[in-house]
């Protein structure tokens, strides 16, 4: 409700969940960034989580004067494998 009441908020940006996610939130978009190391496998039904070793990445945000343009950028060719963590 607080964010929805302020139309000047054009994006909520946060990180450190090791996965790129964008979703509607309070009349704007909430964005998280991927990790420069491992990514997390999102399984909302599970009580544990898994780590996915994949390409490192980061998100680059550019303000155009009217909008934010965001790009997830992969930084290398990393191995892809799953490792369960309990």
PDB file of N, CA and C in Angstrom:
ATOM      1  N   UNK A   1       0.828  -1.192   0.000  1.00  0.00           N
ATOM      2  CA  UNK A   1       0.000   0.000   0.000  1.00  0.00           C
ATOM      3  C   UNK A   1       0.879   1.265   0.000  1.00  0.00           C
ATOM      4  N   UNK A   2       2.006   1.225   0.713  1.00  0.00           N
ATOM      5  CA  UNK A   2       2.887   2.397   0.766  1.00  0.00           C
ATOM      6  C   UNK A   2       3.469   2.684  -0.616  1.00  0.00           C
ATOM      7  N   UNK A   3       3.963   1.660  -1.290  1.00  0.00           N
ATOM      8  CA  UNK A   3       4.547   1.850  -2.621  1.00  0.00           C
ATOM      9  C   UNK A   3       3.469   2.272  -3.613  1.00  0.00           C
ATOM     10  N   UNK A   4       2.302   1.663  -3.561  1.00  0.00           N
ATOM     11  CA  UNK A   4       1.214   2.000  -4.479  1.00  0.00           C
ATOM     12  C   UNK A   4       0.773   3.453  -4.330  1.00  0.00           C
ATOM     13  N   UNK A   5       0.928   4.024  -3.152  1.00  0.00           N
ATOM     14  CA  UNK A   5       0.524   5.405  -2.907  1.00  0.00           C
ATOM     15  C   UNK A   5       1.531   6.425  -3.439  1.00  0.00           C
ATOM     16  N   UNK A   6       2.666   5.965  -3.959  1.00  0.00           N
ATOM     17  CA  UNK A   6       3.725   6.862  -4.443  1.00  0.00           C
ATOM     18  C   UNK A   6       4.069   6.533  -5.896  1.00  0.00           C
ATOM     19  N   UNK A   7       3.384   7.157  -6.855  1.00  0.00           N
ATOM     20  CA  UNK A   7       3.589   6.823  -8.275  1.00  0.00           C
ATOM     21  C   UNK A   7       4.981   7.158  -8.801  1.00  0.00           C
ATOM     22  N   UNK A   8       5.775   7.946  -8.065  1.00  0.00           N
ATOM     23  CA  UNK A   8       7.129   8.255  -8.512  1.00  0.00           C
ATOM     24  C   UNK A   8       8.080   7.069  -8.336  1.00  0.00           C
ATOM     25  N   UNK A   9       7.663   6.032  -7.606  1.00  0.00           N
ATOM     26  CA  UNK A   9       8.482   4.831  -7.442  1.00  0.00           C
ATOM     27  C   UNK A   9       8.346   4.014  -8.726  1.00  0.00           C
ATOM     28  N   UNK A  10       9.425   3.923  -9.486  1.00  0.00           N
ATOM     29  CA  UNK A  10       9.362   3.232 -10.773  1.00  0.00           C
ATOM     30  C   UNK A  10       9.899   1.804 -10.717  1.00  0.00           C
ATOM     31  N   UNK A  11      10.643   1.460  -9.683  1.00  0.00           N
ATOM     32  CA  UNK A  11      11.145   0.102  -9.542  1.00  0.00           C
ATOM     33  C   UNK A  11      11.677  -0.082  -8.135  1.00  0.00           C
ATOM     34  N   UNK A  12      11.502  -1.273  -7.595  1.00  0.00           N
ATOM     35  CA  UNK A  12      12.138  -1.657  -6.336  1.00  0.00           C
ATOM     36  C   UNK A  12      13.210  -2.662  -6.711  1.00  0.00           C
ATOM     37  N   UNK A  13      14.450  -2.350  -6.365  1.00  0.00           N
ATOM     38  CA  UNK A  13      15.578  -3.184  -6.771  1.00  0.00           C
ATOM     39  C   UNK A  13      16.280  -3.715  -5.520  1.00  0.00           C
ATOM     40  N   UNK A  14      16.457  -5.025  -5.488  1.00  0.00           N
ATOM     41  CA  UNK A  14      17.190  -5.628  -4.383  1.00  0.00           C
ATOM     42  C   UNK A  14      17.955  -6.830  -4.915  1.00  0.00           C
ATOM     43  N   UNK A  15      18.744  -7.418  -4.093  1.00  0.00           N
ATOM     44  CA  UNK A  15      19.547  -8.544  -4.547  1.00  0.00           C
ATOM     45  C   UNK A  15      19.758  -9.544  -3.451  1.00  0.00           C
ATOM     46  N   UNK A  16      20.715 -10.370  -3.659  1.00  0.00           N
ATOM     47  CA  UNK A  16      21.165 -11.394  -2.731  1.00  0.00           C
ATOM     48  C   UNK A  16      20.133 -12.483  -2.459  1.00  0.00           C
ATOM     49  N   UNK A  17      19.378 -12.856  -3.480  1.00  0.00           N
ATOM     50  CA  UNK A  17      18.605 -14.093  -3.364  1.00  0.00           C
ATOM     51  C   UNK A  17      19.105 -15.123  -4.375  1.00  0.00           C
ATOM     52  N   UNK A  18      20.156 -14.771  -5.099  1.00  0.00           N
ATOM     53  CA  UNK A  18      20.816 -15.694  -6.030  1.00  0.00           C
ATOM     54  C   UNK A  18      19.877 -16.197  -7.122  1.00  0.00           C
ATOM     55  N   UNK A  19      19.001 -15.331  -7.592  1.00  0.00           N
ATOM     56  CA  UNK A  19      18.102 -15.665  -8.693  1.00  0.00           C
ATOM     57  C   UNK A  19      17.492 -14.360  -9.207  1.00  0.00           C
ATOM     58  N   UNK A  20      17.420 -14.199 -10.520  1.00  0.00           N
ATOM     59  CA  UNK A  20      16.766 -13.022 -11.101  1.00  0.00           C
ATOM     60  C   UNK A  20      15.254 -13.248 -11.102  1.00  0.00           C
ATOM     61  N   UNK A  21      14.533 -12.339 -10.462  1.00  0.00           N
ATOM     62  CA  UNK A  21      13.077 -12.424 -10.394  1.00  0.00           C
ATOM     63  C   UNK A  21      12.515 -11.019 -10.582  1.00  0.00           C
ATOM     64  N   UNK A  22      11.493 -10.900 -11.416  1.00  0.00           N
ATOM     65  CA  UNK A  22      10.742  -9.659 -11.575  1.00  0.00           C
ATOM     66  C   UNK A  22       9.279  -9.976 -11.348  1.00  0.00           C
ATOM     67  N   UNK A  23       8.598  -9.143 -10.531  1.00  0.00           N
ATOM     68  CA  UNK A  23       7.180  -9.375 -10.297  1.00  0.00           C
ATOM     69  C   UNK A  23       6.496  -8.052  -9.997  1.00  0.00           C
ATOM     70  N   UNK A  24       5.201  -7.962 -10.356  1.00  0.00           N
ATOM     71  CA  UNK A  24       4.453  -6.752 -10.019  1.00  0.00           C
ATOM     72  C   UNK A  24       4.389  -6.572  -8.503  1.00  0.00           C
ATOM     73  N   UNK A  25       4.504  -5.320  -8.059  1.00  0.00           N
ATOM     74  CA  UNK A  25       4.452  -5.035  -6.630  1.00  0.00           C
ATOM     75  C   UNK A  25       4.038  -3.575  -6.445  1.00  0.00           C
ATOM     76  N   UNK A  26       2.892  -3.333  -5.845  1.00  0.00           N
ATOM     77  CA  UNK A  26       2.466  -1.981  -5.506  1.00  0.00           C
ATOM     78  C   UNK A  26       2.453  -1.006  -6.667  1.00  0.00           C
ATOM     79  N   UNK A  27       1.908  -1.373  -7.803  1.00  0.00           N
ATOM     80  CA  UNK A  27       1.848  -0.549  -9.021  1.00  0.00           C
ATOM     81  C   UNK A  27       3.204  -0.295  -9.665  1.00  0.00           C
ATOM     82  N   UNK A  28       4.190  -1.112  -9.329  1.00  0.00           N
ATOM     83  CA  UNK A  28       5.496  -1.030  -9.977  1.00  0.00           C
ATOM     84  C   UNK A  28       6.034  -2.455 -10.139  1.00  0.00           C
ATOM     85  N   UNK A  29       7.324  -2.587 -10.307  1.00  0.00           N
ATOM     86  CA  UNK A  29       7.966  -3.891 -10.448  1.00  0.00           C
ATOM     87  C   UNK A  29       9.018  -4.028  -9.352  1.00  0.00           C
ATOM     88  N   UNK A  30       9.063  -5.182  -8.717  1.00  0.00           N
ATOM     89  CA  UNK A  30      10.143  -5.517  -7.786  1.00  0.00           C
ATOM     90  C   UNK A  30      11.091  -6.463  -8.509  1.00  0.00           C
ATOM     91  N   UNK A  31      12.374  -6.162  -8.459  1.00  0.00           N
ATOM     92  CA  UNK A  31      13.383  -6.942  -9.178  1.00  0.00           C
ATOM     93  C   UNK A  31      14.484  -7.392  -8.232  1.00  0.00           C
ATOM     94  N   UNK A  32      14.908  -8.631  -8.394  1.00  0.00           N
ATOM     95  CA  UNK A  32      16.084  -9.134  -7.691  1.00  0.00           C
ATOM     96  C   UNK A  32      17.131  -9.515  -8.725  1.00  0.00           C
ATOM     97  N   UNK A  33      18.355  -9.575  -8.296  1.00  0.00           N
ATOM     98  CA  UNK A  33      19.460  -9.830  -9.214  1.00  0.00           C
ATOM     99  C   UNK A  33      19.965 -11.256  -9.086  1.00  0.00           C
ATOM    100  N   UNK A  34      20.503 -11.797 -10.179  1.00  0.00           N
ATOM    101  CA  UNK A  34      21.181 -13.090 -10.084  1.00  0.00           C
ATOM    102  C   UNK A  34      22.493 -12.922  -9.326  1.00  0.00           C
ATOM    103  N   UNK A  35      23.147 -14.026  -9.088  1.00  0.00           N
ATOM    104  CA  UNK A  35      24.384 -14.010  -8.312  1.00  0.00           C
ATOM    105  C   UNK A  35      25.607 -14.111  -9.216  1.00  0.00           C
ATOM    106  N   UNK A  36      26.697 -13.573  -8.741  1.00  0.00           N
ATOM    107  CA  UNK A  36      27.962 -13.744  -9.451  1.00  0.00           C
ATOM    108  C   UNK A  36      28.608 -15.074  -9.103  1.00  0.00           C
ATOM    109  N   UNK A  37      27.936 -15.876  -8.252  1.00  0.00           N
ATOM    110  CA  UNK A  37      28.401 -17.239  -7.977  1.00  0.00           C
ATOM    111  C   UNK A  37      27.265 -18.198  -8.319  1.00  0.00           C
ATOM    112  N   UNK A  38      26.761 -18.948  -7.369  1.00  0.00           N
ATOM    113  CA  UNK A  38      25.714 -19.936  -7.643  1.00  0.00           C
ATOM    114  C   UNK A  38      24.324 -19.304  -7.601  1.00  0.00           C
ATOM    115  N   UNK A  39      23.358 -20.003  -8.195  1.00  0.00           N
ATOM    116  CA  UNK A  39      21.962 -19.577  -8.178  1.00  0.00           C
ATOM    117  C   UNK A  39      21.181 -20.538  -7.286  1.00  0.00           C
ATOM    118  N   UNK A  40      20.052 -20.090  -6.774  1.00  0.00           N
ATOM    119  CA  UNK A  40      19.175 -20.959  -5.999  1.00  0.00           C
ATOM    120  C   UNK A  40      18.053 -21.469  -6.884  1.00  0.00           C
ATOM    121  N   UNK A  41      17.681 -22.717  -6.678  1.00  0.00           N
ATOM    122  CA  UNK A  41      16.539 -23.297  -7.370  1.00  0.00           C
ATOM    123  C   UNK A  41      15.300 -22.904  -6.576  1.00  0.00           C
ATOM    124  N   UNK A  42      14.342 -22.270  -7.232  1.00  0.00           N
ATOM    125  CA  UNK A  42      13.126 -21.840  -6.548  1.00  0.00           C
ATOM    126  C   UNK A  42      12.095 -22.957  -6.575  1.00  0.00           C
ATOM    127  N   UNK A  43      11.801 -23.507  -5.423  1.00  0.00           N
ATOM    128  CA  UNK A  43      10.760 -24.521  -5.270  1.00  0.00           C
ATOM    129  C   UNK A  43       9.965 -24.129  -4.033  1.00  0.00           C
ATOM    130  N   UNK A  44       8.880 -23.398  -4.252  1.00  0.00           N
ATOM    131  CA  UNK A  44       8.122 -22.840  -3.141  1.00  0.00           C
ATOM    132  C   UNK A  44       7.411 -23.902  -2.310  1.00  0.00           C
ATOM    133  N   UNK A  45       7.234 -25.101  -2.846  1.00  0.00           N
ATOM    134  CA  UNK A  45       6.548 -26.158  -2.109  1.00  0.00           C
ATOM    135  C   UNK A  45       7.502 -26.936  -1.197  1.00  0.00           C
ATOM    136  N   UNK A  46       8.775 -26.901  -1.487  1.00  0.00           N
ATOM    137  CA  UNK A  46       9.750 -27.684  -0.712  1.00  0.00           C
ATOM    138  C   UNK A  46      10.142 -26.949   0.560  1.00  0.00           C
ATOM    139  N   UNK A  47      10.539 -27.721   1.562  1.00  0.00           N
ATOM    140  CA  UNK A  47      11.027 -27.112   2.807  1.00  0.00           C
ATOM    141  C   UNK A  47      12.544 -26.995   2.815  1.00  0.00           C
ATOM    142  N   UNK A  48      13.195 -27.484   1.789  1.00  0.00           N
ATOM    143  CA  UNK A  48      14.635 -27.326   1.650  1.00  0.00           C
ATOM    144  C   UNK A  48      14.886 -26.587   0.340  1.00  0.00           C
ATOM    145  N   UNK A  49      16.119 -26.344   0.042  1.00  0.00           N
ATOM    146  CA  UNK A  49      16.449 -25.669  -1.199  1.00  0.00           C
ATOM    147  C   UNK A  49      17.629 -26.361  -1.856  1.00  0.00           C
ATOM    148  N   UNK A  50      17.843 -26.029  -3.093  1.00  0.00           N
ATOM    149  CA  UNK A  50      18.971 -26.588  -3.834  1.00  0.00           C
ATOM    150  C   UNK A  50      19.774 -25.442  -4.427  1.00  0.00           C
ATOM    151  N   UNK A  51      21.044 -25.660  -4.541  1.00  0.00           N
ATOM    152  CA  UNK A  51      21.952 -24.708  -5.161  1.00  0.00           C
ATOM    153  C   UNK A  51      22.214 -25.184  -6.573  1.00  0.00           C
ATOM    154  N   UNK A  52      22.118 -24.282  -7.520  1.00  0.00           N
ATOM    155  CA  UNK A  52      22.387 -24.629  -8.914  1.00  0.00           C
ATOM    156  C   UNK A  52      23.643 -23.884  -9.342  1.00  0.00           C
ATOM    157  N   UNK A  53      24.682 -24.637  -9.683  1.00  0.00           N
ATOM    158  CA  UNK A  53      25.919 -24.026 -10.160  1.00  0.00           C
ATOM    159  C   UNK A  53      25.720 -23.750 -11.650  1.00  0.00           C
ATOM    160  N   UNK A  54      25.642 -22.485 -11.999  1.00  0.00           N
ATOM    161  CA  UNK A  54      25.459 -22.092 -13.397  1.00  0.00           C
ATOM    162  C   UNK A  54      26.231 -20.811 -13.654  1.00  0.00           C
ATOM    163  N   UNK A  55      26.120 -20.293 -14.838  1.00  0.00           N
ATOM    164  CA  UNK A  55      26.895 -19.117 -15.210  1.00  0.00           C
ATOM    165  C   UNK A  55      26.696 -17.971 -14.213  1.00  0.00           C
ATOM    166  N   UNK A  56      27.791 -17.334 -13.782  1.00  0.00           N
ATOM    167  CA  UNK A  56      27.652 -16.138 -12.965  1.00  0.00           C
ATOM    168  C   UNK A  56      26.946 -15.045 -13.763  1.00  0.00           C
ATOM    169  N   UNK A  57      26.260 -14.167 -13.056  1.00  0.00           N
ATOM    170  CA  UNK A  57      25.546 -13.088 -13.742  1.00  0.00           C
ATOM    171  C   UNK A  57      25.352 -11.910 -12.801  1.00  0.00           C
ATOM    172  N   UNK A  58      24.971 -10.793 -13.365  1.00  0.00           N
ATOM    173  CA  UNK A  58      24.580  -9.626 -12.590  1.00  0.00           C
ATOM    174  C   UNK A  58      23.535  -8.875 -13.404  1.00  0.00           C
ATOM    175  N   UNK A  59      22.873  -7.919 -12.781  1.00  0.00           N
ATOM    176  CA  UNK A  59      21.872  -7.125 -13.482  1.00  0.00           C
ATOM    177  C   UNK A  59      22.379  -5.703 -13.634  1.00  0.00           C
ATOM    178  N   UNK A  60      22.304  -5.191 -14.846  1.00  0.00           N
ATOM    179  CA  UNK A  60      22.675  -3.816 -15.147  1.00  0.00           C
ATOM    180  C   UNK A  60      21.392  -3.012 -15.311  1.00  0.00           C
ATOM    181  N   UNK A  61      21.256  -1.909 -14.565  1.00  0.00           N
ATOM    182  CA  UNK A  61      20.088  -1.043 -14.647  1.00  0.00           C
ATOM    183  C   UNK A  61      20.510   0.276 -15.282  1.00  0.00           C
ATOM    184  N   UNK A  62      19.693   0.744 -16.235  1.00  0.00           N
ATOM    185  CA  UNK A  62      19.972   2.029 -16.893  1.00  0.00           C
ATOM    186  C   UNK A  62      18.713   2.890 -16.845  1.00  0.00           C
ATOM    187  N   UNK A  63      18.832   4.087 -16.320  1.00  0.00           N
ATOM    188  CA  UNK A  63      17.732   5.036 -16.250  1.00  0.00           C
ATOM    189  C   UNK A  63      17.741   5.867 -17.539  1.00  0.00           C
ATOM    190  N   UNK A  64      16.640   5.867 -18.271  1.00  0.00           N
ATOM    191  CA  UNK A  64      16.556   6.587 -19.544  1.00  0.00           C
ATOM    192  C   UNK A  64      16.070   8.015 -19.381  1.00  0.00           C
ATOM    193  N   UNK A  65      15.679   8.374 -18.177  1.00  0.00           N
ATOM    194  CA  UNK A  65      15.054   9.676 -17.949  1.00  0.00           C
ATOM    195  C   UNK A  65      13.558   9.539 -17.763  1.00  0.00           C
ATOM    196  N   UNK A  66      13.020   8.403 -18.243  1.00  0.00           N
ATOM    197  CA  UNK A  66      11.591   8.128 -18.085  1.00  0.00           C
ATOM    198  C   UNK A  66      11.320   6.735 -17.552  1.00  0.00           C
ATOM    199  N   UNK A  67      12.258   5.833 -17.735  1.00  0.00           N
ATOM    200  CA  UNK A  67      12.044   4.440 -17.340  1.00  0.00           C
ATOM    201  C   UNK A  67      13.379   3.791 -17.015  1.00  0.00           C
ATOM    202  N   UNK A  68      13.302   2.651 -16.339  1.00  0.00           N
ATOM    203  CA  UNK A  68      14.493   1.851 -16.050  1.00  0.00           C
ATOM    204  C   UNK A  68      14.518   0.682 -17.022  1.00  0.00           C
ATOM    205  N   UNK A  69      15.651   0.490 -17.664  1.00  0.00           N
ATOM    206  CA  UNK A  69      15.865  -0.657 -18.538  1.00  0.00           C
ATOM    207  C   UNK A  69      16.856  -1.564 -17.822  1.00  0.00           C
ATOM    208  N   UNK A  70      16.454  -2.803 -17.560  1.00  0.00           N
ATOM    209  CA  UNK A  70      17.294  -3.740 -16.814  1.00  0.00           C
ATOM    210  C   UNK A  70      17.685  -4.910 -17.703  1.00  0.00           C
ATOM    211  N   UNK A  71      18.937  -5.334 -17.570  1.00  0.00           N
ATOM    212  CA  UNK A  71      19.439  -6.460 -18.352  1.00  0.00           C
ATOM    213  C   UNK A  71      20.225  -7.392 -17.444  1.00  0.00           C
ATOM    214  N   UNK A  72      19.878  -8.675 -17.457  1.00  0.00           N
ATOM    215  CA  UNK A  72      20.670  -9.686 -16.754  1.00  0.00           C
ATOM    216  C   UNK A  72      21.817 -10.062 -17.673  1.00  0.00           C
ATOM    217  N   UNK A  73      23.036  -9.968 -17.171  1.00  0.00           N
ATOM    218  CA  UNK A  73      24.226 -10.194 -17.989  1.00  0.00           C
ATOM    219  C   UNK A  73      24.996 -11.375 -17.430  1.00  0.00           C
ATOM    220  N   UNK A  74      25.177 -12.396 -18.265  1.00  0.00           N
ATOM    221  CA  UNK A  74      25.981 -13.561 -17.901  1.00  0.00           C
ATOM    222  C   UNK A  74      27.440 -13.199 -18.077  1.00  0.00           C
ATOM    223  N   UNK A  75      28.285 -13.644 -17.130  1.00  0.00           N
ATOM    224  CA  UNK A  75      29.683 -13.223 -17.157  1.00  0.00           C
ATOM    225  C   UNK A  75      30.650 -14.318 -17.570  1.00  0.00           C
ATOM    226  N   UNK A  76      30.156 -15.484 -17.870  1.00  0.00           N
ATOM    227  CA  UNK A  76      31.074 -16.540 -18.275  1.00  0.00           C
ATOM    228  C   UNK A  76      30.345 -17.838 -18.517  1.00  0.00           C
ATOM    229  N   UNK A  77      31.070 -18.800 -18.975  1.00  0.00           N
ATOM    230  CA  UNK A  77      30.529 -20.128 -19.227  1.00  0.00           C
ATOM    231  C   UNK A  77      30.861 -21.013 -18.049  1.00  0.00           C
ATOM    232  N   UNK A  78      29.944 -21.143 -17.121  1.00  0.00           N
ATOM    233  CA  UNK A  78      30.192 -21.969 -15.952  1.00  0.00           C
ATOM    234  C   UNK A  78      29.521 -23.317 -16.077  1.00  0.00           C
ATOM    235  N   UNK A  79      29.935 -24.275 -15.266  1.00  0.00           N
ATOM    236  CA  UNK A  79      29.285 -25.585 -15.276  1.00  0.00           C
ATOM    237  C   UNK A  79      27.875 -25.470 -14.704  1.00  0.00           C
ATOM    238  N   UNK A  80      26.989 -26.336 -15.149  1.00  0.00           N
ATOM    239  CA  UNK A  80      25.618 -26.354 -14.649  1.00  0.00           C
ATOM    240  C   UNK A  80      25.374 -27.696 -13.987  1.00  0.00           C
ATOM    241  N   UNK A  81      25.082 -27.681 -12.681  1.00  0.00           N
ATOM    242  CA  UNK A  81      24.765 -28.904 -11.965  1.00  0.00           C
ATOM    243  C   UNK A  81      23.939 -28.530 -10.728  1.00  0.00           C
ATOM    244  N   UNK A  82      23.228 -29.497 -10.204  1.00  0.00           N
ATOM    245  CA  UNK A  82      22.420 -29.280  -9.012  1.00  0.00           C
ATOM    246  C   UNK A  82      23.068 -29.929  -7.797  1.00  0.00           C
ATOM    247  N   UNK A  83      22.942 -29.283  -6.663  1.00  0.00           N
ATOM    248  CA  UNK A  83      23.407 -29.860  -5.414  1.00  0.00           C
ATOM    249  C   UNK A  83      22.323 -29.581  -4.372  1.00  0.00           C
ATOM    250  N   UNK A  84      21.734 -30.624  -3.825  1.00  0.00           N
ATOM    251  CA  UNK A  84      20.689 -30.464  -2.809  1.00  0.00           C
ATOM    252  C   UNK A  84      21.301 -30.043  -1.495  1.00  0.00           C
ATOM    253  N   UNK A  85      20.613 -29.143  -0.805  1.00  0.00           N
ATOM    254  CA  UNK A  85      21.043 -28.665   0.500  1.00  0.00           C
ATOM    255  C   UNK A  85      19.868 -28.825   1.443  1.00  0.00           C
ATOM    256  N   UNK A  86      20.092 -29.467   2.584  1.00  0.00           N
ATOM    257  CA  UNK A  86      18.983 -29.645   3.518  1.00  0.00           C
ATOM    258  C   UNK A  86      19.204 -28.885   4.795  1.00  0.00           C
TER     259      UNK A  86
END
